[in-house]
C-alpha atoms as a PDB file:
ATOM      1  CA  MET A   1      -0.044  -0.025  -0.101  1.00  0.00           C
ATOM      2  CA  PRO A   2       1.617   3.305  -1.139  1.00  0.00           C
ATOM      3  CA  VAL A   3       2.168   5.860   1.683  1.00  0.00           C
ATOM      4  CA  ALA A   4       0.363   9.072   1.385  1.00  0.00           C
ATOM      5  CA  LYS A   5       2.666  12.129   0.990  1.00  0.00           C
ATOM      6  CA  ARG A   6       2.272  14.597   3.476  1.00  0.00           C
ATOM      7  CA  ARG A   7       1.711  18.315   2.753  1.00  0.00           C
ATOM      8  CA  TYR A   8       4.497  20.935   3.818  1.00  0.00           C
ATOM      9  CA  VAL A   9       3.092  23.002   6.798  1.00  0.00           C
ATOM     10  CA  PRO A  10       5.456  25.992   7.496  1.00  0.00           C
ATOM     11  CA  ASN A  11       7.164  25.944  10.833  1.00  0.00           C
ATOM     12  CA  LEU A  12       6.080  29.738  11.928  1.00  0.00           C
ATOM     13  CA  THR A  13       7.865  29.817  15.240  1.00  0.00           C
ATOM     14  CA  GLN A  14      11.037  29.070  13.513  1.00  0.00           C
ATOM     15  CA  GLN A  15      10.452  31.305  10.476  1.00  0.00           C
ATOM     16  CA  MET A  16       9.648  34.077  13.115  1.00  0.00           C
ATOM     17  CA  ALA A  17      13.084  33.284  14.958  1.00  0.00           C
ATOM     18  CA  VAL A  18      15.243  33.391  11.648  1.00  0.00           C
ATOM     19  CA  ALA A  19      13.574  36.524  10.899  1.00  0.00           C
ATOM     20  CA  GLU A  20      14.087  38.256  14.394  1.00  0.00           C
ATOM     21  CA  ALA A  21      17.729  36.823  14.207  1.00  0.00           C
ATOM     22  CA  ASN A  22      18.081  38.498  10.376  1.00  0.00           C
ATOM     23  CA  TYR A  23      17.197  42.120  11.663  1.00  0.00           C
ATOM     24  CA  HIS A  24      19.736  41.863  14.624  1.00  0.00           C
ATOM     25  CA  ARG A  25      22.118  41.065  12.170  1.00  0.00           C
ATOM     26  CA  LEU A  26      21.738  43.824   9.971  1.00  0.00           C
ATOM     27  CA  GLN A  27      21.174  46.014  12.838  1.00  0.00           C
ATOM     28  CA  ARG A  28      24.779  44.898  13.732  1.00  0.00           C
ATOM     29  CA  LEU A  29      26.041  45.392  10.256  1.00  0.00           C
ATOM     30  CA  MET A  30      24.026  48.721   9.290  1.00  0.00           C
ATOM     31  CA  GLY A  31      23.777  50.582  12.327  1.00  0.00           C
ATOM     32  CA  ASP A  32      21.398  53.262  11.923  1.00  0.00           C
ATOM     33  CA  PHE A  33      18.696  52.256   9.124  1.00  0.00           C
ATOM     34  CA  ASP A  34      17.716  55.823   8.859  1.00  0.00           C
ATOM     35  CA  GLN A  35      20.841  57.233   7.427  1.00  0.00           C
ATOM     36  CA  LEU A  36      22.687  54.291   5.476  1.00  0.00           C
ATOM     37  CA  ASP A  37      21.948  54.177   1.657  1.00  0.00           C
ATOM     38  CA  SER A  38      24.180  51.081   1.027  1.00  0.00           C
ATOM     39  CA  LEU A  39      26.709  48.937   2.660  1.00  0.00           C
ATOM     40  CA  GLY A  40      29.586  46.970   0.813  1.00  0.00           C
ATOM     41  CA  ILE A  41      31.056  44.192   2.765  1.00  0.00           C
ATOM     42  CA  THR A  42      34.222  42.370   1.632  1.00  0.00           C
ATOM     43  CA  LEU A  43      34.261  38.527   2.829  1.00  0.00           C
ATOM     44  CA  GLN A  44      37.437  36.575   2.941  1.00  0.00           C
ATOM     45  CA  GLN A  45      37.358  33.061   3.903  1.00  0.00           C
ATOM     46  CA  GLY A  46      39.444  30.162   2.636  1.00  0.00           C
ATOM     47  CA  GLY A  47      41.430  32.299  -0.030  1.00  0.00           C
ATOM     48  CA  VAL A  48      38.122  33.150  -1.616  1.00  0.00           C
ATOM     49  CA  THR A  49      37.106  36.795  -1.585  1.00  0.00           C
ATOM     50  CA  SER A  50      33.374  37.798  -2.152  1.00  0.00           C
ATOM     51  CA  GLN A  51      31.488  41.058  -2.125  1.00  0.00           C
ATOM     52  CA  LEU A  52      28.244  41.371  -0.121  1.00  0.00           C
ATOM     53  CA  ARG A  53      26.253  44.441  -1.318  1.00  0.00           C
ATOM     54  CA  LEU A  54      23.249  45.816   0.718  1.00  0.00           C
ATOM     55  CA  THR A  55      21.275  48.542  -0.899  1.00  0.00           C
ATOM     56  CA  VAL A  56      18.152  50.400   0.405  1.00  0.00           C
ATOM     57  CA  LEU A  57      15.509  50.186  -1.999  1.00  0.00           C
ATOM     58  CA  GLU A  58      12.517  51.797  -0.264  1.00  0.00           C
ATOM     59  CA  ARG A  59      12.465  53.418   2.993  1.00  0.00           C
ATOM     60  CA  PHE A  60       8.870  54.202   5.019  1.00  0.00           C
ATOM     61  CA  ASN A  61       7.915  54.877   8.482  1.00  0.00           C
ATOM     62  CA  TYR A  62       7.599  51.394   9.674  1.00  0.00           C
ATOM     63  CA  THR A  63       9.197  49.284   6.749  1.00  0.00           C
ATOM     64  CA  MET A  64      12.249  49.235   4.658  1.00  0.00           C
ATOM     65  CA  THR A  65      13.095  47.244   1.669  1.00  0.00           C
ATOM     66  CA  LEU A  66      16.683  46.129   0.672  1.00  0.00           C
ATOM     67  CA  GLU A  67      18.711  44.621  -2.186  1.00  0.00           C
ATOM     68  CA  VAL A  68      20.998  41.904  -1.324  1.00  0.00           C
ATOM     69  CA  GLN A  69      23.819  41.069  -3.852  1.00  0.00           C
ATOM     70  CA  LEU A  70      26.696  38.485  -3.677  1.00  0.00           C
ATOM     71  CA  ALA A  71      29.459  38.625  -6.005  1.00  0.00           C
ATOM     72  CA  SER A  72      32.510  36.649  -6.429  1.00  0.00           C
ATOM     73  CA  ALA A  73      35.412  37.705  -9.005  1.00  0.00           C
ATOM     74  CA  ASP A  74      33.331  40.564 -10.444  1.00  0.00           C
ATOM     75  CA  GLN A  75      30.414  38.199 -11.327  1.00  0.00           C
ATOM     76  CA  TRP A  76      27.327  39.451  -9.398  1.00  0.00           C
ATOM     77  CA  TRP A  77      24.599  36.831  -8.325  1.00  0.00           C
ATOM     78  CA  VAL A  78      22.051  36.961 -11.312  1.00  0.00           C
ATOM     79  CA  LYS A  79      19.371  37.350  -9.116  1.00  0.00           C
ATOM     80  CA  PRO A  80      19.424  39.423  -6.390  1.00  0.00           C
ATOM     81  CA  LEU A  81      17.118  38.958  -3.227  1.00  0.00           C
ATOM     82  CA  HIS A  82      14.922  41.526  -2.171  1.00  0.00           C
ATOM     83  CA  MET A  83      14.042  41.710   1.358  1.00  0.00           C
ATOM     84  CA  ARG A  84      11.687  43.318   3.852  1.00  0.00           C
ATOM     85  CA  LEU A  85      12.592  44.824   7.195  1.00  0.00           C
ATOM     86  CA  TYR A  86       9.594  45.697   9.545  1.00  0.00           C
ATOM     87  CA  HIS A  87      10.965  48.204  11.891  1.00  0.00           C
ATOM     88  CA  ASP A  88       7.930  47.912  14.601  1.00  0.00           C
ATOM     89  CA  MET A  89       8.071  43.939  15.088  1.00  0.00           C
ATOM     90  CA  ARG A  90      11.918  43.828  14.398  1.00  0.00           C
ATOM     91  CA  MET A  91      11.969  41.400  11.749  1.00  0.00           C
ATOM     92  CA  ALA A  92      13.304  41.046   8.185  1.00  0.00           C
ATOM     93  CA  GLU A  93      12.588  38.458   5.332  1.00  0.00           C
ATOM     94  CA  VAL A  94      12.756  37.837   1.705  1.00  0.00           C
ATOM     95  CA  VAL A  95      10.123  38.929   0.113  1.00  0.00           C
ATOM     96  CA  LYS A  96      11.242  38.414  -3.817  1.00  0.00           C
ATOM     97  CA  SER A  97      13.936  37.941  -5.849  1.00  0.00           C
ATOM     98  CA  GLY A  98      15.657  40.062  -8.771  1.00  0.00           C
ATOM     99  CA  ASP A  99      13.071  38.467 -11.166  1.00  0.00           C
ATOM    100  CA  TYR A 100      10.444  40.241  -9.265  1.00  0.00           C
ATOM    101  CA  ARG A 101       8.689  37.043  -8.414  1.00  0.00           C
ATOM    102  CA  GLN A 102       6.771  37.434  -5.047  1.00  0.00           C
ATOM    103  CA  TYR A 103       7.608  34.601  -2.764  1.00  0.00           C
ATOM    104  CA  HIS A 104       4.702  32.553  -0.859  1.00  0.00           C
ATOM    105  CA  GLY A 105       4.699  31.064   2.427  1.00  0.00           C
ATOM    106  CA  SER A 106       4.505  27.285   0.562  1.00  0.00           C
ATOM    107  CA  TYR A 107       3.694  25.779  -2.654  1.00  0.00           C
ATOM    108  CA  GLY A 108       2.461  22.661  -3.520  1.00  0.00           C
ATOM    109  CA  TYR A 109       5.136  20.576  -4.645  1.00  0.00           C
ATOM    110  CA  PRO A 110       5.656  19.279  -7.424  1.00  0.00           C
ATOM    111  CA  ASN A 111       4.747  22.343  -9.439  1.00  0.00           C
ATOM    112  CA  ASP A 112       5.008  24.191 -12.699  1.00  0.00           C
ATOM    113  CA  LEU A 113       7.432  27.178 -10.995  1.00  0.00           C
ATOM    114  CA  GLY A 114       9.957  24.681 -10.195  1.00  0.00           C
ATOM    115  CA  VAL A 115      10.194  26.047  -6.625  1.00  0.00           C
ATOM    116  CA  MET A 116      10.418  23.496  -3.383  1.00  0.00           C
ATOM    117  CA  ALA A 117       7.560  23.599  -0.935  1.00  0.00           C
ATOM    118  CA  ASP A 118       9.391  25.674   1.156  1.00  0.00           C
ATOM    119  CA  GLU A 119      11.128  28.026  -0.704  1.00  0.00           C
ATOM    120  CA  LYS A 120      10.721  31.161   1.193  1.00  0.00           C
ATOM    121  CA  ALA A 121      11.983  29.668   4.318  1.00  0.00           C
ATOM    122  CA  GLN A 122      14.971  28.047   2.451  1.00  0.00           C
ATOM    123  CA  LEU A 123      15.953  31.744   1.189  1.00  0.00           C
ATOM    124  CA  ASN A 124      15.445  33.426   4.875  1.00  0.00           C
ATOM    125  CA  ASN A 125      17.980  30.904   5.992  1.00  0.00           C
ATOM    126  CA  TYR A 126      20.233  31.258   3.578  1.00  0.00           C
ATOM    127  CA  LEU A 127      20.232  35.096   4.041  1.00  0.00           C
ATOM    128  CA  ALA A 128      20.813  34.315   7.839  1.00  0.00           C
ATOM    129  CA  LEU A 129      23.989  32.277   6.624  1.00  0.00           C
ATOM    130  CA  LEU A 130      25.228  35.244   4.248  1.00  0.00           C
ATOM    131  CA  LEU A 131      24.660  37.866   7.216  1.00  0.00           C
ATOM    132  CA  GLN A 132      26.080  35.556   9.830  1.00  0.00           C
ATOM    133  CA  GLN A 133      29.342  35.247   7.302  1.00  0.00           C
ATOM    134  CA  ALA A 134      29.461  38.893   6.838  1.00  0.00           C
ATOM    135  CA  LEU A 135      29.640  39.350  10.735  1.00  0.00           C
ATOM    136  CA  GLN A 136      32.105  37.004  11.245  1.00  0.00           C
ATOM    137  CA  HIS A 137      34.322  37.067   8.110  1.00  0.00           C
ATOM    138  CA  GLY A 138      33.625  40.604   6.705  1.00  0.00           C
ATOM    139  CA  THR A 139      36.646  42.518   6.363  1.00  0.00           C
ATOM    140  CA  ARG A 140      35.946  45.727   4.841  1.00  0.00           C
ATOM    141  CA  LEU A 141      32.865  47.848   5.074  1.00  0.00           C
ATOM    142  CA  GLU A 142      31.765  50.373   2.418  1.00  0.00           C
ATOM    143  CA  LYS A 143      29.133  52.427   3.728  1.00  0.00           C
ATOM    144  CA  GLN A 144      27.440  55.213   1.822  1.00  0.00           C
ATOM    145  CA  THR A 145      24.867  57.424   3.461  1.00  0.00           C
ATOM    146  CA  ALA A 146      22.087  59.961   2.182  1.00  0.00           C
ATOM    147  CA  SER A 147      24.301  63.205   3.115  1.00  0.00           C
ATOM    148  CA  MET A 148      27.053  61.638   0.970  1.00  0.00           C
ATOM    149  CA  ALA A 149      24.628  60.445  -2.097  1.00  0.00           C
ATOM    150  CA  ALA A 150      23.813  63.964  -2.383  1.00  0.00           C
ATOM    151  CA  VAL A 151      27.443  65.434  -2.258  1.00  0.00           C
ATOM    152  CA  LEU A 152      28.010  62.784  -5.426  1.00  0.00           C
END
């Protein structure tokens, strides 16, 4: 008798914990969210140098949208991630990728989009790893504030 396939059920407690941790990691990296427009972090580990770039796309009273790009050897990741920061809840989560596909909390699997059932959770965990690497192995920070952008 075949075993029935279980439907994916998101673990909201774990996802909220990852979102809170990502917000605090970003706060440690960026400092004042209101003043910073972009942040470049050089990562060096095991002889490999990469560049992580965080750019503010939108800024509102209670939310902010950042674009996260990772580069290695002058080749940027094709699909940057867009993440939303919720200042009132102190959470940050991936909301879409650079191809402007909005991510849902879960997907049926298999599906025509070619995404995993827990695609959004995996992307938030990936973001957590990137930010943790930036905190542990970031060697050079290049910050651009709103006042610097006005001068340039």
